[in-house]
Amino acid sequence: MRLNDFLGLRSPLFIYTCGFLLVGLLGVVDFLNGPDISSLIFYVIPVFLAAWHAGRRAGLLMCAASGVSWLIVAYATTGDFSNPFIAYWNAAVRLGFMLVLVHLVASFKISLTQERELARTDYLTGAVNGRSFTELSEVEINRARRNEHPFSVAFMDIDDFKLVNDREGHSAGNRLLQLVSDTIRQNVRTVDTVARLGGDEFAVLMPETGDEAAQVVIRRVRCELLEVVRRKGWPVTFSVGVVTWDYPPASVDDVLRASDELMYTAKRLGKNTVRHINANKPATAA
């Protein structure tokens, strides 16, 4: 595992501890080398890693620790200066360089995180997009395989969505999509993933959710959605296909295909309904 990946999985406390230990170690090296050899460049390592993995505050604390280390080593190795402010000036110059580094690293990390979130999020509804949903489904398959727990996936289509666009315009259609996304997210757990797969189709990934729990959740979500659109006067309903796996499928394609097919089965059977099956017990289709 690469160092960046390793530290990315560690707690902030671990990052702080490693950073302070590294600064202390560099201070000892500075003391042993004496004033003729500078170790400034190596102080960049704890400052950079702290700012990248634990944020701006952690980077600033590493800067402060480095400044204290520089002053202690300067007086321990050089003794009295011709001017008592020389040691402080040297430390301030070094500290200024490190502060600029912290600002640049922390700002870049924030921008990178925001860009990654945008790449994984549907811009209109705030739900995750299809690509992200596929990746998260694959992660859940692997997790279910390791832990031997069930999971469920629901695909949902807005029946007669085109009527809203035709009668009230695309702005109304967009508001409907946003309202559907918000309502679903408000009625599922924080560990569940809500995605917009494109057009008027949504999906919900429910980890550690068996047959009964999946049916309860999705029926509640559908009832809430029907009430919300009724109040808005929109002539739409919802067709939902829910598939539960007690044992994970071979690939994420199996998840997407089974859920999508069941959703379209619900539409063919008259729309405005929920169809559920257990993929490992086909006879339980309901």
Protein backbone atom coordinates (compact mmCIF):
# COMPACT_ATOMS: atom_id res chain seq x y z
CA MET A 1 0.00 0.00 0.00
CA ARG A 2 1.35 3.44 -0.89
CA LEU A 3 2.12 5.93 1.90
CA ASN A 4 -0.62 8.29 0.71
CA ASP A 5 -3.22 5.51 0.79
CA PHE A 6 -1.99 4.30 4.17
CA LEU A 7 -2.20 7.74 5.78
CA GLY A 8 -5.54 8.39 4.13
CA LEU A 9 -7.01 5.54 6.17
CA ARG A 10 -5.56 6.76 9.48
CA SER A 11 -7.22 8.98 12.07
CA PRO A 12 -6.23 12.65 12.55
CA LEU A 13 -4.70 11.68 15.92
CA PHE A 14 -2.38 9.26 14.14
CA ILE A 15 -1.34 12.00 11.69
CA TYR A 16 -0.68 14.47 14.53
CA THR A 17 1.36 11.92 16.47
CA CYS A 18 3.50 10.94 13.49
CA GLY A 19 4.00 14.58 12.56
CA PHE A 20 5.21 15.63 16.01
CA LEU A 21 7.48 12.60 16.25
CA LEU A 22 9.00 13.39 12.86
CA VAL A 23 9.56 17.04 13.80
CA GLY A 24 11.22 15.90 17.02
CA LEU A 25 13.44 13.47 15.12
CA LEU A 26 14.47 16.19 12.68
CA GLY A 27 15.31 18.44 15.62
CA VAL A 28 17.67 15.77 16.97
CA VAL A 29 19.27 15.40 13.53
CA ASP A 30 19.68 19.19 13.32
CA PHE A 31 21.35 19.24 16.72
CA LEU A 32 23.76 16.43 15.80
CA ASN A 33 24.67 18.02 12.45
CA GLY A 34 25.34 21.40 14.00
CA PRO A 35 24.71 24.82 12.45
CA ASP A 36 26.66 24.15 9.24
CA ILE A 37 24.10 21.79 7.66
CA SER A 38 20.45 22.78 7.28
CA SER A 39 17.66 20.20 7.43
CA LEU A 40 14.95 22.70 6.44
CA ILE A 41 13.84 20.78 3.36
CA PHE A 42 13.05 17.71 5.46
CA TYR A 43 10.65 19.68 7.67
CA VAL A 44 8.48 20.00 4.58
CA ILE A 45 7.55 16.32 4.96
CA PRO A 46 5.60 16.46 8.27
CA VAL A 47 4.10 19.85 7.38
CA PHE A 48 2.93 18.66 3.97
CA LEU A 49 1.56 15.33 5.19
CA ALA A 50 -0.29 16.96 8.10
CA ALA A 51 -1.86 19.65 5.90
CA TRP A 52 -2.85 17.12 3.22
CA HIS A 53 -4.30 14.40 5.42
CA ALA A 54 -5.54 16.30 8.50
CA GLY A 55 -6.23 19.80 7.22
CA ARG A 56 -4.94 23.34 7.54
CA ARG A 57 -4.96 23.37 11.35
CA ALA A 58 -2.75 20.29 11.52
CA GLY A 59 -0.33 21.87 9.06
CA LEU A 60 -0.17 25.04 11.16
CA LEU A 61 0.55 23.02 14.29
CA MET A 62 3.42 21.26 12.50
CA CYS A 63 4.72 24.70 11.49
CA ALA A 64 4.61 25.86 15.11
CA ALA A 65 6.36 22.69 16.30
CA SER A 66 9.02 23.16 13.62
CA GLY A 67 9.56 26.78 14.69
CA VAL A 68 10.09 25.75 18.30
CA SER A 69 12.51 23.04 17.16
CA TRP A 70 14.51 25.51 15.08
CA LEU A 71 14.87 27.96 17.98
CA ILE A 72 15.94 25.28 20.46
CA VAL A 73 18.51 23.82 18.05
CA ALA A 74 19.79 27.28 17.09
CA TYR A 75 20.55 28.25 20.69
CA ALA A 76 21.86 24.77 21.56
CA THR A 77 24.32 24.61 18.65
CA THR A 78 25.29 28.24 18.08
CA GLY A 79 25.17 29.71 21.55
CA ASP A 80 24.91 33.46 21.90
CA PHE A 81 24.19 35.42 18.71
CA SER A 82 25.68 38.83 18.01
CA ASN A 83 22.10 40.03 18.01
CA PRO A 84 19.47 38.11 20.02
CA PHE A 85 16.91 38.65 17.26
CA ILE A 86 18.92 36.71 14.65
CA ALA A 87 17.63 33.32 15.81
CA TYR A 88 14.06 34.61 15.81
CA TRP A 89 14.50 36.17 12.37
CA ASN A 90 15.84 32.94 10.90
CA ALA A 91 13.01 30.96 12.46
CA ALA A 92 10.44 33.51 11.19
CA VAL A 93 11.77 33.27 7.61
CA ARG A 94 11.59 29.49 7.70
CA LEU A 95 8.16 29.65 9.31
CA GLY A 96 6.91 32.01 6.59
CA PHE A 97 7.95 29.53 3.93
CA MET A 98 6.16 26.72 5.75
CA LEU A 99 3.00 28.79 6.24
CA VAL A 100 2.81 29.47 2.51
CA LEU A 101 3.25 25.74 1.91
CA VAL A 102 0.41 24.90 4.31
CA HIS A 103 -1.91 27.40 2.63
CA LEU A 104 -1.15 26.06 -0.85
CA VAL A 105 -1.44 22.39 0.13
CA ALA A 106 -4.67 22.82 2.12
CA SER A 107 -6.29 24.95 -0.59
CA PHE A 108 -5.35 22.49 -3.31
CA LYS A 109 -6.68 19.56 -1.26
CA ILE A 110 -10.02 21.34 -0.76
CA SER A 111 -10.28 22.14 -4.48
CA LEU A 112 -9.39 18.57 -5.42
CA THR A 113 -11.98 17.16 -3.01
CA GLN A 114 -14.66 19.48 -4.41
CA GLU A 115 -13.81 18.49 -7.97
CA ARG A 116 -14.00 14.82 -7.09
CA GLU A 117 -17.39 15.34 -5.44
CA LEU A 118 -18.69 17.19 -8.49
CA ALA A 119 -17.49 14.37 -10.73
CA ARG A 120 -19.46 11.87 -8.62
CA THR A 121 -22.62 13.94 -8.11
CA ASP A 122 -25.60 14.67 -10.33
CA TYR A 123 -25.54 18.45 -10.73
CA LEU A 124 -29.32 18.86 -10.76
CA THR A 125 -30.46 16.72 -7.83
CA GLY A 126 -27.40 16.37 -5.60
CA ALA A 127 -27.72 12.58 -5.70
CA VAL A 128 -24.71 10.55 -6.76
CA ASN A 129 -24.44 9.87 -10.48
CA GLY A 130 -24.53 6.57 -12.31
CA ARG A 131 -20.77 6.14 -12.40
CA SER A 132 -20.46 6.65 -8.66
CA PHE A 133 -23.40 4.33 -8.00
CA THR A 134 -21.73 1.58 -10.00
CA GLU A 135 -18.49 1.99 -8.05
CA LEU A 136 -20.29 1.96 -4.69
CA SER A 137 -22.31 -1.09 -5.70
CA GLU A 138 -19.10 -2.93 -6.51
CA VAL A 139 -17.68 -1.97 -3.12
CA GLU A 140 -20.84 -3.27 -1.43
CA ILE A 141 -20.67 -6.56 -3.33
CA ASN A 142 -17.12 -7.11 -2.09
CA ARG A 143 -18.08 -6.11 1.45
CA ALA A 144 -21.09 -8.43 1.44
CA ARG A 145 -18.88 -11.25 0.21
CA ARG A 146 -16.44 -10.71 3.08
CA ASN A 147 -19.01 -10.18 5.84
CA GLU A 148 -21.73 -12.50 4.52
CA HIS A 149 -24.58 -10.05 4.94
CA PRO A 150 -27.48 -9.26 2.56
CA PHE A 151 -28.00 -6.05 0.64
CA SER A 152 -30.77 -4.66 -1.53
CA VAL A 153 -31.00 -2.37 -4.54
CA ALA A 154 -34.08 -0.48 -5.71
CA PHE A 155 -34.55 1.05 -9.16
CA MET A 156 -37.30 3.65 -9.47
CA ASP A 157 -38.88 5.28 -12.52
CA ILE A 158 -41.20 8.30 -12.50
CA ASP A 159 -44.32 7.28 -14.43
CA ASP A 160 -45.64 9.90 -16.88
CA PHE A 161 -42.77 12.28 -16.18
CA LYS A 162 -43.06 13.57 -19.74
CA LEU A 163 -46.51 14.98 -18.94
CA VAL A 164 -44.98 17.40 -16.44
CA ASN A 165 -42.40 18.57 -18.97
CA ASP A 166 -45.01 18.96 -21.71
CA ARG A 167 -47.58 20.78 -19.59
CA GLU A 168 -45.46 22.91 -17.27
CA GLY A 169 -42.08 23.10 -18.97
CA HIS A 170 -38.66 21.70 -18.22
CA SER A 171 -38.18 23.91 -15.16
CA ALA A 172 -41.11 22.14 -13.51
CA GLY A 173 -39.63 18.80 -14.55
CA ASN A 174 -36.34 19.78 -12.93
CA ARG A 175 -38.12 20.78 -9.72
CA LEU A 176 -39.85 17.41 -9.72
CA LEU A 177 -36.54 15.57 -10.06
CA GLN A 178 -35.03 17.61 -7.23
CA LEU A 179 -38.04 16.97 -5.01
CA VAL A 180 -37.93 13.24 -5.71
CA SER A 181 -34.22 13.09 -4.86
CA ASP A 182 -34.68 15.07 -1.65
CA THR A 183 -37.67 12.99 -0.54
CA ILE A 184 -35.88 9.70 -1.10
CA ARG A 185 -32.82 10.84 0.84
CA GLN A 186 -34.96 12.06 3.72
CA ASN A 187 -36.59 8.65 4.06
CA VAL A 188 -33.59 6.33 3.89
CA ARG A 189 -30.61 5.85 6.19
CA THR A 190 -27.42 7.87 5.94
CA VAL A 191 -25.56 4.68 4.98
CA ASP A 192 -27.85 4.17 1.99
CA THR A 193 -26.87 5.63 -1.37
CA VAL A 194 -29.36 7.51 -3.54
CA ALA A 195 -28.43 7.94 -7.20
CA ARG A 196 -29.91 9.50 -10.27
CA LEU A 197 -29.14 7.18 -13.15
CA GLY A 198 -30.26 9.56 -15.85
CA GLY A 199 -33.52 11.04 -17.05
CA ASP A 200 -36.26 10.17 -14.55
CA GLU A 201 -34.66 7.04 -13.09
CA PHE A 202 -33.31 6.79 -9.56
CA ALA A 203 -31.66 4.01 -7.57
CA VAL A 204 -31.14 3.25 -3.90
CA LEU A 205 -28.34 1.00 -2.60
CA MET A 206 -29.19 -0.39 0.86
CA PRO A 207 -26.33 -2.20 2.63
CA GLU A 208 -27.13 -4.91 5.18
CA THR A 209 -30.81 -4.86 4.20
CA GLY A 210 -32.79 -8.07 3.78
CA ASP A 211 -36.17 -8.80 2.20
CA GLU A 212 -38.54 -7.40 4.80
CA ALA A 213 -36.50 -4.32 5.63
CA ALA A 214 -36.09 -3.44 1.95
CA GLN A 215 -39.82 -3.71 1.31
CA VAL A 216 -40.66 -1.58 4.34
CA VAL A 217 -38.21 1.15 3.34
CA ILE A 218 -39.19 1.35 -0.31
CA ARG A 219 -42.92 1.26 0.33
CA ARG A 220 -42.49 4.11 2.82
CA VAL A 221 -40.42 6.06 0.30
CA ARG A 222 -43.01 5.52 -2.42
CA CYS A 223 -45.88 6.61 -0.14
CA GLU A 224 -44.00 9.79 0.77
CA LEU A 225 -43.29 10.50 -2.89
CA LEU A 226 -46.93 10.03 -3.86
CA GLU A 227 -48.01 12.43 -1.13
CA VAL A 228 -45.44 15.04 -2.17
CA VAL A 229 -46.42 15.02 -5.85
CA ARG A 230 -50.12 15.00 -4.92
CA ARG A 231 -49.65 18.24 -3.00
CA LYS A 232 -47.84 19.74 -5.99
CA GLY A 233 -50.57 18.60 -8.37
CA TRP A 234 -48.21 16.66 -10.60
CA PRO A 235 -49.85 13.69 -12.41
CA VAL A 236 -47.02 11.22 -11.83
CA THR A 237 -46.59 7.93 -9.99
CA PHE A 238 -43.65 5.64 -9.29
CA SER A 239 -42.72 2.17 -10.51
CA VAL A 240 -40.11 0.44 -8.38
CA GLY A 241 -38.13 -2.77 -8.70
CA VAL A 242 -36.36 -4.01 -5.56
CA VAL A 243 -33.87 -6.88 -5.58
CA THR A 244 -32.34 -8.42 -2.46
CA TRP A 245 -29.21 -10.57 -2.43
CA ASP A 246 -28.55 -12.87 0.52
CA TYR A 247 -25.39 -13.93 -1.30
CA PRO A 248 -23.64 -11.36 -3.48
CA PRO A 249 -23.78 -11.70 -7.27
CA ALA A 250 -20.72 -12.27 -9.41
CA SER A 251 -20.53 -8.70 -10.69
CA VAL A 252 -22.07 -5.26 -10.47
CA ASP A 253 -23.56 -5.81 -13.93
CA ASP A 254 -25.78 -8.51 -12.41
CA VAL A 255 -27.02 -5.99 -9.84
CA LEU A 256 -27.83 -3.34 -12.41
CA ARG A 257 -29.45 -5.74 -14.85
CA ALA A 258 -31.68 -7.49 -12.30
CA SER A 259 -32.86 -4.25 -10.70
CA ASP A 260 -33.50 -2.57 -14.04
CA GLU A 261 -35.45 -5.53 -15.42
CA LEU A 262 -37.65 -5.72 -12.33
CA MET A 263 -38.39 -2.00 -12.51
CA TYR A 264 -39.57 -2.34 -16.10
CA THR A 265 -41.63 -5.36 -15.07
CA ALA A 266 -43.40 -3.08 -12.59
CA LYS A 267 -44.08 -0.58 -15.39
CA ARG A 268 -45.42 -3.26 -17.72
CA LEU A 269 -47.79 -4.48 -15.00
CA GLY A 270 -49.59 -1.17 -14.88
CA LYS A 271 -47.14 1.28 -13.28
CA ASN A 272 -47.42 2.81 -9.80
CA THR A 273 -46.34 -0.35 -8.02
CA VAL A 274 -43.44 -1.98 -6.19
CA ARG A 275 -42.06 -5.34 -7.31
CA HIS A 276 -39.60 -7.20 -5.09
CA ILE A 277 -37.63 -10.40 -5.48
CA ASN A 278 -34.85 -12.14 -3.64
CA ALA A 279 -32.27 -12.97 -6.31
CA ASN A 280 -31.29 -16.10 -4.40
CA LYS A 281 -34.93 -17.18 -4.01
CA PRO A 282 -36.70 -16.34 -7.30
CA ALA A 283 -39.91 -17.94 -6.09
CA THR A 284 -40.35 -15.12 -3.53
CA ALA A 285 -41.15 -12.53 -6.21
CA ALA A 286 -43.94 -10.23 -5.02
